[in-house]
PDB file of N, CA and C in Angstrom:
ATOM      1  N   MET A   1      99.213 115.422 117.725  1.00  0.00           N
ATOM      2  CA  MET A   1      99.596 114.957 116.391  1.00  0.00           C
ATOM      3  C   MET A   1      99.117 115.822 115.439  1.00  0.00           C
ATOM      4  N   SER A   2      99.831 115.793 114.271  1.00  0.00           N
ATOM      5  CA  SER A   2      99.407 116.789 113.358  1.00  0.00           C
ATOM      6  C   SER A   2     100.099 116.373 111.910  1.00  0.00           C
ATOM      7  N   ILE A   3      99.466 116.665 110.672  1.00  0.00           N
ATOM      8  CA  ILE A   3      99.813 116.397 109.441  1.00  0.00           C
ATOM      9  C   ILE A   3     100.083 117.840 108.763  1.00  0.00           C
ATOM     10  N   LYS A   4     101.158 118.284 108.342  1.00  0.00           N
ATOM     11  CA  LYS A   4     101.158 119.465 107.690  1.00  0.00           C
ATOM     12  C   LYS A   4     101.695 119.156 106.225  1.00  0.00           C
ATOM     13  N   LYS A   5     101.039 119.647 105.229  1.00  0.00           N
ATOM     14  CA  LYS A   5     101.313 119.614 103.858  1.00  0.00           C
ATOM     15  C   LYS A   5     101.796 120.856 103.049  1.00  0.00           C
ATOM     16  N   ASN A   6     102.912 120.801 102.440  1.00  0.00           N
ATOM     17  CA  ASN A   6     103.592 121.650 101.698  1.00  0.00           C
ATOM     18  C   ASN A   6     103.618 121.244 100.213  1.00  0.00           C
ATOM     19  N   TYR A   7     102.777 121.754  99.336  1.00  0.00           N
ATOM     20  CA  TYR A   7     102.786 121.374  97.912  1.00  0.00           C
ATOM     21  C   TYR A   7     103.640 122.023  97.113  1.00  0.00           C
ATOM     22  N   LEU A   8     104.838 121.315  96.519  1.00  0.00           N
ATOM     23  CA  LEU A   8     105.785 121.838  95.605  1.00  0.00           C
ATOM     24  C   LEU A   8     105.300 122.252  94.152  1.00  0.00           C
ATOM     25  N   GLU A   9     105.543 123.688  93.824  1.00  0.00           N
ATOM     26  CA  GLU A   9     105.087 124.107  92.671  1.00  0.00           C
ATOM     27  C   GLU A   9     105.859 123.556  91.424  1.00  0.00           C
ATOM     28  N   SER A  10     107.283 123.054  91.813  1.00  0.00           N
ATOM     29  CA  SER A  10     108.270 122.757  90.659  1.00  0.00           C
ATOM     30  C   SER A  10     108.092 121.163  90.608  1.00  0.00           C
ATOM     31  N   LYS A  11     107.508 120.288  91.318  1.00  0.00           N
ATOM     32  CA  LYS A  11     107.164 119.021  91.037  1.00  0.00           C
ATOM     33  C   LYS A  11     106.031 118.563  91.518  1.00  0.00           C
ATOM     34  N   PRO A  12     105.425 117.372  90.929  1.00  0.00           N
ATOM     35  CA  PRO A  12     104.095 116.839  91.360  1.00  0.00           C
ATOM     36  C   PRO A  12     104.035 116.324  92.582  1.00  0.00           C
ATOM     37  N   GLU A  13     104.572 116.813  93.603  1.00  0.00           N
ATOM     38  CA  GLU A  13     104.866 116.158  94.939  1.00  0.00           C
ATOM     39  C   GLU A  13     104.372 117.170  96.173  1.00  0.00           C
ATOM     40  N   CYS A  14     104.246 116.430  97.222  1.00  0.00           N
ATOM     41  CA  CYS A  14     104.055 117.231  98.504  1.00  0.00           C
ATOM     42  C   CYS A  14     104.741 116.770  99.566  1.00  0.00           C
ATOM     43  N   LYS A  15     105.543 117.890 100.122  1.00  0.00           N
ATOM     44  CA  LYS A  15     106.404 117.526 101.374  1.00  0.00           C
ATOM     45  C   LYS A  15     105.287 117.519 102.856  1.00  0.00           C
ATOM     46  N   VAL A  16     105.282 116.325 103.000  1.00  0.00           N
ATOM     47  CA  VAL A  16     104.215 116.266 104.183  1.00  0.00           C
ATOM     48  C   VAL A  16     105.014 115.859 105.554  1.00  0.00           C
ATOM     49  N   THR A  17     104.808 116.696 106.579  1.00  0.00           N
ATOM     50  CA  THR A  17     105.383 116.441 107.982  1.00  0.00           C
ATOM     51  C   THR A  17     104.454 115.954 108.783  1.00  0.00           C
ATOM     52  N   PHE A  18     104.819 114.833 109.245  1.00  0.00           N
ATOM     53  CA  PHE A  18     103.979 114.173 110.473  1.00  0.00           C
ATOM     54  C   PHE A  18     104.647 114.329 111.634  1.00  0.00           C
ATOM     55  N   LYS A  19     103.739 114.750 112.707  1.00  0.00           N
ATOM     56  CA  LYS A  19     104.517 115.052 114.138  1.00  0.00           C
ATOM     57  C   LYS A  19     103.543 114.212 114.992  1.00  0.00           C
ATOM     58  N   LEU A  20     104.155 113.516 116.073  1.00  0.00           N
ATOM     59  CA  LEU A  20     103.522 112.743 116.972  1.00  0.00           C
ATOM     60  C   LEU A  20     103.941 113.522 118.274  1.00  0.00           C
ATOM     61  N   ALA A  21     102.884 114.009 118.965  1.00  0.00           N
ATOM     62  CA  ALA A  21     103.210 114.649 120.317  1.00  0.00           C
ATOM     63  C   ALA A  21     103.639 113.687 121.529  1.00  0.00           C
ATOM     64  N   LYS A  22     104.572 113.955 122.437  1.00  0.00           N
ATOM     65  CA  LYS A  22     105.041 113.214 123.379  1.00  0.00           C
ATOM     66  C   LYS A  22     103.887 112.583 124.291  1.00  0.00           C
ATOM     67  N   LYS A  23     102.894 113.229 124.260  1.00  0.00           N
ATOM     68  CA  LYS A  23     101.646 112.863 125.228  1.00  0.00           C
ATOM     69  C   LYS A  23     101.219 111.436 124.627  1.00  0.00           C
ATOM     70  N   PHE A  24     101.289 111.272 123.193  1.00  0.00           N
ATOM     71  CA  PHE A  24     100.769 109.910 122.755  1.00  0.00           C
ATOM     72  C   PHE A  24     101.765 108.896 122.676  1.00  0.00           C
ATOM     73  N   VAL A  25     102.962 109.144 123.187  1.00  0.00           N
ATOM     74  CA  VAL A  25     104.141 108.142 122.964  1.00  0.00           C
ATOM     75  C   VAL A  25     104.847 107.816 124.517  1.00  0.00           C
ATOM     76  N   ASN A  26     104.174 108.557 125.336  1.00  0.00           N
ATOM     77  CA  ASN A  26     104.901 108.324 126.665  1.00  0.00           C
ATOM     78  C   ASN A  26     106.352 108.507 126.668  1.00  0.00           C
ATOM     79  N   SER A  27     107.219 107.423 126.965  1.00  0.00           N
ATOM     80  CA  SER A  27     108.401 107.569 127.102  1.00  0.00           C
ATOM     81  C   SER A  27     109.178 106.540 126.045  1.00  0.00           C
ATOM     82  N   ALA A  28     108.415 106.719 124.930  1.00  0.00           N
ATOM     83  CA  ALA A  28     109.011 105.903 123.714  1.00  0.00           C
ATOM     84  C   ALA A  28     110.584 106.168 123.207  1.00  0.00           C
ATOM     85  N   ASN A  29     111.229 105.321 122.893  1.00  0.00           N
ATOM     86  CA  ASN A  29     112.629 105.591 122.498  1.00  0.00           C
ATOM     87  C   ASN A  29     112.584 105.612 121.063  1.00  0.00           C
ATOM     88  N   GLU A  30     111.622 104.854 120.354  1.00  0.00           N
ATOM     89  CA  GLU A  30     111.616 104.878 118.718  1.00  0.00           C
ATOM     90  C   GLU A  30     110.196 104.993 118.266  1.00  0.00           C
ATOM     91  N   VAL A  31     110.010 105.665 117.263  1.00  0.00           N
ATOM     92  CA  VAL A  31     108.798 105.798 116.730  1.00  0.00           C
ATOM     93  C   VAL A  31     108.962 105.847 115.028  1.00  0.00           C
ATOM     94  N   ASN A  32     108.354 104.842 114.228  1.00  0.00           N
ATOM     95  CA  ASN A  32     108.556 104.893 113.012  1.00  0.00           C
ATOM     96  C   ASN A  32     107.060 105.241 112.338  1.00  0.00           C
ATOM     97  N   LEU A  33     107.232 105.842 111.072  1.00  0.00           N
ATOM     98  CA  LEU A  33     105.931 106.031 110.421  1.00  0.00           C
ATOM     99  C   LEU A  33     105.988 104.880 109.209  1.00  0.00           C
ATOM    100  N   VAL A  34     104.755 104.094 109.113  1.00  0.00           N
ATOM    101  CA  VAL A  34     104.927 102.917 108.458  1.00  0.00           C
ATOM    102  C   VAL A  34     103.518 103.052 107.634  1.00  0.00           C
ATOM    103  N   GLY A  35     103.684 102.853 106.154  1.00  0.00           N
ATOM    104  CA  GLY A  35     102.482 103.087 105.468  1.00  0.00           C
ATOM    105  C   GLY A  35     102.730 102.600 104.111  1.00  0.00           C
ATOM    106  N   GLU A  36     101.763 102.826 103.080  1.00  0.00           N
ATOM    107  CA  GLU A  36     101.826 102.361 101.575  1.00  0.00           C
ATOM    108  C   GLU A  36     102.784 102.838 101.060  1.00  0.00           C
ATOM    109  N   PHE A  37     103.366 104.209 101.204  1.00  0.00           N
ATOM    110  CA  PHE A  37     104.391 104.987 100.592  1.00  0.00           C
ATOM    111  C   PHE A  37     105.902 104.292 100.967  1.00  0.00           C
ATOM    112  N   ASN A  38     106.017 103.252 101.864  1.00  0.00           N
ATOM    113  CA  ASN A  38     107.156 102.788 102.147  1.00  0.00           C
ATOM    114  C   ASN A  38     106.854 101.220 102.148  1.00  0.00           C
ATOM    115  N   ASN A  39     105.917 100.754 101.523  1.00  0.00           N
ATOM    116  CA  ASN A  39     105.654  99.410 101.491  1.00  0.00           C
ATOM    117  C   ASN A  39     105.460  98.812 102.841  1.00  0.00           C
ATOM    118  N   TRP A  40     104.802  99.618 103.703  1.00  0.00           N
ATOM    119  CA  TRP A  40     104.690  99.007 105.191  1.00  0.00           C
ATOM    120  C   TRP A  40     106.060  98.540 105.884  1.00  0.00           C
ATOM    121  N   ASP A  41     107.209  99.015 105.400  1.00  0.00           N
ATOM    122  CA  ASP A  41     108.459  98.768 105.987  1.00  0.00           C
ATOM    123  C   ASP A  41     108.557  99.212 107.426  1.00  0.00           C
ATOM    124  N   LYS A  42     108.602  98.436 108.590  1.00  0.00           N
ATOM    125  CA  LYS A  42     108.720  99.157 109.957  1.00  0.00           C
ATOM    126  C   LYS A  42     109.794  99.804 110.234  1.00  0.00           C
ATOM    127  N   GLN A  43     110.784  99.728 109.463  1.00  0.00           N
ATOM    128  CA  GLN A  43     112.076 100.452 109.621  1.00  0.00           C
ATOM    129  C   GLN A  43     112.546 101.492 108.986  1.00  0.00           C
ATOM    130  N   ARG A  44     111.960 101.500 107.852  1.00  0.00           N
ATOM    131  CA  ARG A  44     112.264 102.286 106.628  1.00  0.00           C
ATOM    132  C   ARG A  44     112.133 104.065 106.864  1.00  0.00           C
ATOM    133  N   THR A  45     111.186 104.331 107.641  1.00  0.00           N
ATOM    134  CA  THR A  45     110.848 105.704 107.989  1.00  0.00           C
ATOM    135  C   THR A  45     110.885 106.100 109.221  1.00  0.00           C
ATOM    136  N   PRO A  46     112.140 106.101 109.968  1.00  0.00           N
ATOM    137  CA  PRO A  46     111.943 106.477 111.411  1.00  0.00           C
ATOM    138  C   PRO A  46     111.688 107.962 111.573  1.00  0.00           C
ATOM    139  N   MET A  47     111.095 108.246 112.912  1.00  0.00           N
ATOM    140  CA  MET A  47     110.809 109.669 113.202  1.00  0.00           C
ATOM    141  C   MET A  47     111.817 110.053 114.188  1.00  0.00           C
ATOM    142  N   LYS A  48     112.264 111.450 113.826  1.00  0.00           N
ATOM    143  CA  LYS A  48     113.226 112.010 114.937  1.00  0.00           C
ATOM    144  C   LYS A  48     112.601 112.682 116.083  1.00  0.00           C
ATOM    145  N   LYS A  49     113.335 112.051 117.096  1.00  0.00           N
ATOM    146  CA  LYS A  49     112.807 112.575 118.564  1.00  0.00           C
ATOM    147  C   LYS A  49     113.280 114.091 118.719  1.00  0.00           C
ATOM    148  N   LEU A  50     112.279 115.080 119.055  1.00  0.00           N
ATOM    149  CA  LEU A  50     112.527 116.175 119.101  1.00  0.00           C
ATOM    150  C   LEU A  50     113.012 116.614 120.725  1.00  0.00           C
ATOM    151  N   LYS A  51     113.636 117.725 120.910  1.00  0.00           N
ATOM    152  CA  LYS A  51     114.071 118.066 122.420  1.00  0.00           C
ATOM    153  C   LYS A  51     112.792 118.039 123.420  1.00  0.00           C
ATOM    154  N   ASN A  52     111.777 118.517 122.763  1.00  0.00           N
ATOM    155  CA  ASN A  52     110.442 118.377 123.684  1.00  0.00           C
ATOM    156  C   ASN A  52     109.865 117.057 123.707  1.00  0.00           C
ATOM    157  N   GLY A  53     110.471 116.171 123.288  1.00  0.00           N
ATOM    158  CA  GLY A  53     109.805 114.909 123.324  1.00  0.00           C
ATOM    159  C   GLY A  53     108.905 114.273 122.196  1.00  0.00           C
ATOM    160  N   ASP A  54     108.471 115.414 121.367  1.00  0.00           N
ATOM    161  CA  ASP A  54     107.578 114.861 120.165  1.00  0.00           C
ATOM    162  C   ASP A  54     108.605 114.264 119.193  1.00  0.00           C
ATOM    163  N   PHE A  55     107.852 113.430 118.306  1.00  0.00           N
ATOM    164  CA  PHE A  55     108.512 112.845 117.244  1.00  0.00           C
ATOM    165  C   PHE A  55     107.944 113.393 115.780  1.00  0.00           C
ATOM    166  N   SER A  56     109.049 113.652 114.771  1.00  0.00           N
ATOM    167  CA  SER A  56     108.677 114.206 113.421  1.00  0.00           C
ATOM    168  C   SER A  56     109.379 113.584 112.473  1.00  0.00           C
ATOM    169  N   VAL A  57     108.924 113.481 111.186  1.00  0.00           N
ATOM    170  CA  VAL A  57     109.441 113.143 109.989  1.00  0.00           C
ATOM    171  C   VAL A  57     108.647 113.740 108.784  1.00  0.00           C
ATOM    172  N   THR A  58     109.592 114.429 107.813  1.00  0.00           N
ATOM    173  CA  THR A  58     108.955 114.845 106.553  1.00  0.00           C
ATOM    174  C   THR A  58     109.274 113.747 105.424  1.00  0.00           C
ATOM    175  N   VAL A  59     108.130 113.497 104.712  1.00  0.00           N
ATOM    176  CA  VAL A  59     108.408 112.719 103.283  1.00  0.00           C
ATOM    177  C   VAL A  59     107.829 113.514 102.206  1.00  0.00           C
ATOM    178  N   ASN A  60     108.239 112.965 100.982  1.00  0.00           N
ATOM    179  CA  ASN A  60     107.615 113.584  99.922  1.00  0.00           C
ATOM    180  C   ASN A  60     106.773 112.493  99.352  1.00  0.00           C
ATOM    181  N   LEU A  61     105.509 112.955  98.943  1.00  0.00           N
ATOM    182  CA  LEU A  61     104.433 111.982  98.256  1.00  0.00           C
ATOM    183  C   LEU A  61     103.980 112.830  97.186  1.00  0.00           C
ATOM    184  N   ASP A  62     103.514 111.715  96.346  1.00  0.00           N
ATOM    185  CA  ASP A  62     102.806 112.200  95.055  1.00  0.00           C
ATOM    186  C   ASP A  62     101.585 113.049  95.243  1.00  0.00           C
ATOM    187  N   LYS A  63     101.395 114.178  94.421  1.00  0.00           N
ATOM    188  CA  LYS A  63     100.248 114.677  94.516  1.00  0.00           C
ATOM    189  C   LYS A  63      98.894 113.697  93.672  1.00  0.00           C
ATOM    190  N   GLY A  64      97.862 114.041  94.094  1.00  0.00           N
ATOM    191  CA  GLY A  64      96.777 113.154  93.638  1.00  0.00           C
ATOM    192  C   GLY A  64      96.673 111.876  94.061  1.00  0.00           C
ATOM    193  N   SER A  65      97.343 111.520  95.284  1.00  0.00           N
ATOM    194  CA  SER A  65      97.326 110.203  95.676  1.00  0.00           C
ATOM    195  C   SER A  65      96.752 110.211  97.389  1.00  0.00           C
ATOM    196  N   ASN A  66      96.316 109.075  97.667  1.00  0.00           N
ATOM    197  CA  ASN A  66      95.931 108.676  99.093  1.00  0.00           C
ATOM    198  C   ASN A  66      96.761 107.932  99.488  1.00  0.00           C
ATOM    199  N   TYR A  67      97.172 107.649 100.784  1.00  0.00           N
ATOM    200  CA  TYR A  67      98.069 106.813 101.393  1.00  0.00           C
ATOM    201  C   TYR A  67      97.563 106.281 102.714  1.00  0.00           C
ATOM    202  N   GLN A  68      97.512 105.004 102.953  1.00  0.00           N
ATOM    203  CA  GLN A  68      97.378 104.481 104.302  1.00  0.00           C
ATOM    204  C   GLN A  68      98.493 104.531 105.183  1.00  0.00           C
ATOM    205  N   PHE A  69      98.508 104.720 106.458  1.00  0.00           N
ATOM    206  CA  PHE A  69      99.623 104.889 107.190  1.00  0.00           C
ATOM    207  C   PHE A  69      99.111 104.505 108.753  1.00  0.00           C
ATOM    208  N   LYS A  70     100.220 104.107 109.718  1.00  0.00           N
ATOM    209  CA  LYS A  70     100.182 104.066 110.945  1.00  0.00           C
ATOM    210  C   LYS A  70     101.516 104.542 111.645  1.00  0.00           C
ATOM    211  N   TYR A  71     101.495 104.640 112.966  1.00  0.00           N
ATOM    212  CA  TYR A  71     102.706 105.166 113.710  1.00  0.00           C
ATOM    213  C   TYR A  71     102.934 103.615 114.635  1.00  0.00           C
ATOM    214  N   LEU A  72     104.284 103.321 114.447  1.00  0.00           N
ATOM    215  CA  LEU A  72     104.788 102.259 115.135  1.00  0.00           C
ATOM    216  C   LEU A  72     105.770 102.703 116.250  1.00  0.00           C
ATOM    217  N   ILE A  73     105.122 102.521 117.576  1.00  0.00           N
ATOM    218  CA  ILE A  73     105.897 102.827 118.739  1.00  0.00           C
ATOM    219  C   ILE A  73     106.797 101.805 119.337  1.00  0.00           C
ATOM    220  N   ASP A  74     107.970 102.082 119.336  1.00  0.00           N
ATOM    221  CA  ASP A  74     108.854 100.990 119.958  1.00  0.00           C
ATOM    222  C   ASP A  74     108.839  99.491 119.416  1.00  0.00           C
ATOM    223  N   ASN A  75     108.473  99.386 118.103  1.00  0.00           N
ATOM    224  CA  ASN A  75     108.409  98.273 117.404  1.00  0.00           C
ATOM    225  C   ASN A  75     107.159  97.414 118.058  1.00  0.00           C
ATOM    226  N   LYS A  76     106.219  97.929 118.702  1.00  0.00           N
ATOM    227  CA  LYS A  76     105.192  96.930 119.325  1.00  0.00           C
ATOM    228  C   LYS A  76     103.909  97.380 119.650  1.00  0.00           C
ATOM    229  N   GLU A  77     103.752  98.955 119.467  1.00  0.00           N
ATOM    230  CA  GLU A  77     102.145  99.509 119.515  1.00  0.00           C
ATOM    231  C   GLU A  77     102.114 100.025 118.178  1.00  0.00           C
ATOM    232  N   TRP A  78     100.809  99.988 117.691  1.00  0.00           N
ATOM    233  CA  TRP A  78     100.545 100.761 116.441  1.00  0.00           C
ATOM    234  C   TRP A  78      99.353 101.667 116.745  1.00  0.00           C
ATOM    235  N   ILE A  79      99.406 102.639 116.452  1.00  0.00           N
ATOM    236  CA  ILE A  79      98.439 103.848 116.810  1.00  0.00           C
ATOM    237  C   ILE A  79      98.211 104.703 115.488  1.00  0.00           C
ATOM    238  N   ASN A  80      97.054 105.235 115.443  1.00  0.00           N
ATOM    239  CA  ASN A  80      96.482 106.009 114.237  1.00  0.00           C
ATOM    240  C   ASN A  80      96.749 107.460 114.480  1.00  0.00           C
ATOM    241  N   GLU A  81      96.503 108.191 113.519  1.00  0.00           N
ATOM    242  CA  GLU A  81      96.869 109.808 113.522  1.00  0.00           C
ATOM    243  C   GLU A  81      95.211 110.486 113.816  1.00  0.00           C
ATOM    244  N   PRO A  82      94.901 111.072 114.873  1.00  0.00           N
ATOM    245  CA  PRO A  82      93.644 111.609 115.182  1.00  0.00           C
ATOM    246  C   PRO A  82      93.208 112.702 114.047  1.00  0.00           C
ATOM    247  N   GLU A  83      94.245 113.161 113.396  1.00  0.00           N
ATOM    248  CA  GLU A  83      94.212 114.305 112.711  1.00  0.00           C
ATOM    249  C   GLU A  83      94.189 113.951 110.942  1.00  0.00           C
ATOM    250  N   ALA A  84      94.017 112.356 110.869  1.00  0.00           N
ATOM    251  CA  ALA A  84      94.046 112.085 109.652  1.00  0.00           C
ATOM    252  C   ALA A  84      92.799 112.664 108.622  1.00  0.00           C
ATOM    253  N   ASP A  85      93.171 112.547 107.568  1.00  0.00           N
ATOM    254  CA  ASP A  85      92.168 112.995 106.446  1.00  0.00           C
ATOM    255  C   ASP A  85      90.849 111.893 106.380  1.00  0.00           C
ATOM    256  N   GLN A  86      91.139 110.727 106.535  1.00  0.00           N
ATOM    257  CA  GLN A  86      90.106 109.538 106.429  1.00  0.00           C
ATOM    258  C   GLN A  86      90.738 108.548 107.143  1.00  0.00           C
ATOM    259  N   TYR A  87      89.941 107.582 107.241  1.00  0.00           N
ATOM    260  CA  TYR A  87      90.353 106.167 107.757  1.00  0.00           C
ATOM    261  C   TYR A  87      89.801 104.949 106.892  1.00  0.00           C
ATOM    262  N   ALA A  88      90.457 104.127 107.179  1.00  0.00           N
ATOM    263  CA  ALA A  88      90.155 102.918 106.300  1.00  0.00           C
ATOM    264  C   ALA A  88      90.143 101.675 107.262  1.00  0.00           C
ATOM    265  N   ALA A  89      89.109 100.614 106.998  1.00  0.00           N
ATOM    266  CA  ALA A  89      89.369  99.275 107.880  1.00  0.00           C
ATOM    267  C   ALA A  89      90.736  98.685 107.232  1.00  0.00           C
ATOM    268  N   ASN A  90      91.343  97.843 108.094  1.00  0.00           N
ATOM    269  CA  ASN A  90      92.335  97.119 107.734  1.00  0.00           C
ATOM    270  C   ASN A  90      92.020  95.603 108.017  1.00  0.00           C
ATOM    271  N   GLU A  91      92.857  94.780 107.580  1.00  0.00           N
ATOM    272  CA  GLU A  91      92.701  93.071 107.668  1.00  0.00           C
ATOM    273  C   GLU A  91      92.958  92.677 109.031  1.00  0.00           C
ATOM    274  N   PHE A  92      93.184  93.553 109.906  1.00  0.00           N
ATOM    275  CA  PHE A  92      93.297  93.115 111.333  1.00  0.00           C
ATOM    276  C   PHE A  92      92.298  93.691 112.162  1.00  0.00           C
ATOM    277  N   GLN A  93      91.121  93.832 111.623  1.00  0.00           N
ATOM    278  CA  GLN A  93      89.828  94.263 112.416  1.00  0.00           C
ATOM    279  C   GLN A  93      89.982  95.499 113.125  1.00  0.00           C
ATOM    280  N   GLY A  94      90.947  96.440 112.468  1.00  0.00           N
ATOM    281  CA  GLY A  94      91.057  97.786 113.000  1.00  0.00           C
ATOM    282  C   GLY A  94      91.187  98.747 111.820  1.00  0.00           C
ATOM    283  N   GLU A  95      91.473  99.923 112.153  1.00  0.00           N
ATOM    284  CA  GLU A  95      91.741 100.988 110.912  1.00  0.00           C
ATOM    285  C   GLU A  95      93.155 101.643 110.919  1.00  0.00           C
ATOM    286  N   ASN A  96      93.361 101.971 109.572  1.00  0.00           N
ATOM    287  CA  ASN A  96      94.447 102.585 109.257  1.00  0.00           C
ATOM    288  C   ASN A  96      94.165 104.270 108.945  1.00  0.00           C
ATOM    289  N   SER A  97      95.111 105.116 109.211  1.00  0.00           N
ATOM    290  CA  SER A  97      94.990 106.229 108.909  1.00  0.00           C
ATOM    291  C   SER A  97      95.096 106.718 107.423  1.00  0.00           C
ATOM    292  N   ILE A  98      94.394 107.545 106.877  1.00  0.00           N
ATOM    293  CA  ILE A  98      94.637 108.026 105.555  1.00  0.00           C
ATOM    294  C   ILE A  98      95.124 109.521 105.429  1.00  0.00           C
ATOM    295  N   VAL A  99      96.154 109.801 104.490  1.00  0.00           N
ATOM    296  CA  VAL A  99      96.458 111.192 104.239  1.00  0.00           C
ATOM    297  C   VAL A  99      96.122 111.432 102.829  1.00  0.00           C
ATOM    298  N   ILE A 100      95.327 112.327 102.393  1.00  0.00           N
ATOM    299  CA  ILE A 100      95.055 112.618 101.014  1.00  0.00           C
ATOM    300  C   ILE A 100      95.996 113.839 100.483  1.00  0.00           C
ATOM    301  N   ILE A 101      96.568 113.415  99.410  1.00  0.00           N
ATOM    302  CA  ILE A 101      97.560 114.375  98.719  1.00  0.00           C
ATOM    303  C   ILE A 101      96.986 115.232  97.823  1.00  0.00           C
TER     304      ILE A 101
END
């Protein structure tokens, strides 16, 4: 898993690529990126399955902000990003990943 940030000079935004390795999703058919940046909508930010079995998506996020997020695998299993910038407790006695832009 990984997060890559590409800060744009022309806009107050950052292109952030979230990549989830095949070994973390086994034989998943669908993975969605769910977080504050999409109002925790489970279907709004689907990740593309790559030929090697990894999943990836790129989103534009505002500079100077922090966003909580999680990955949703096959609409039933929630996992965090091990390489997240930080973690925060959530209302379900678990944690959310945080990306700092």
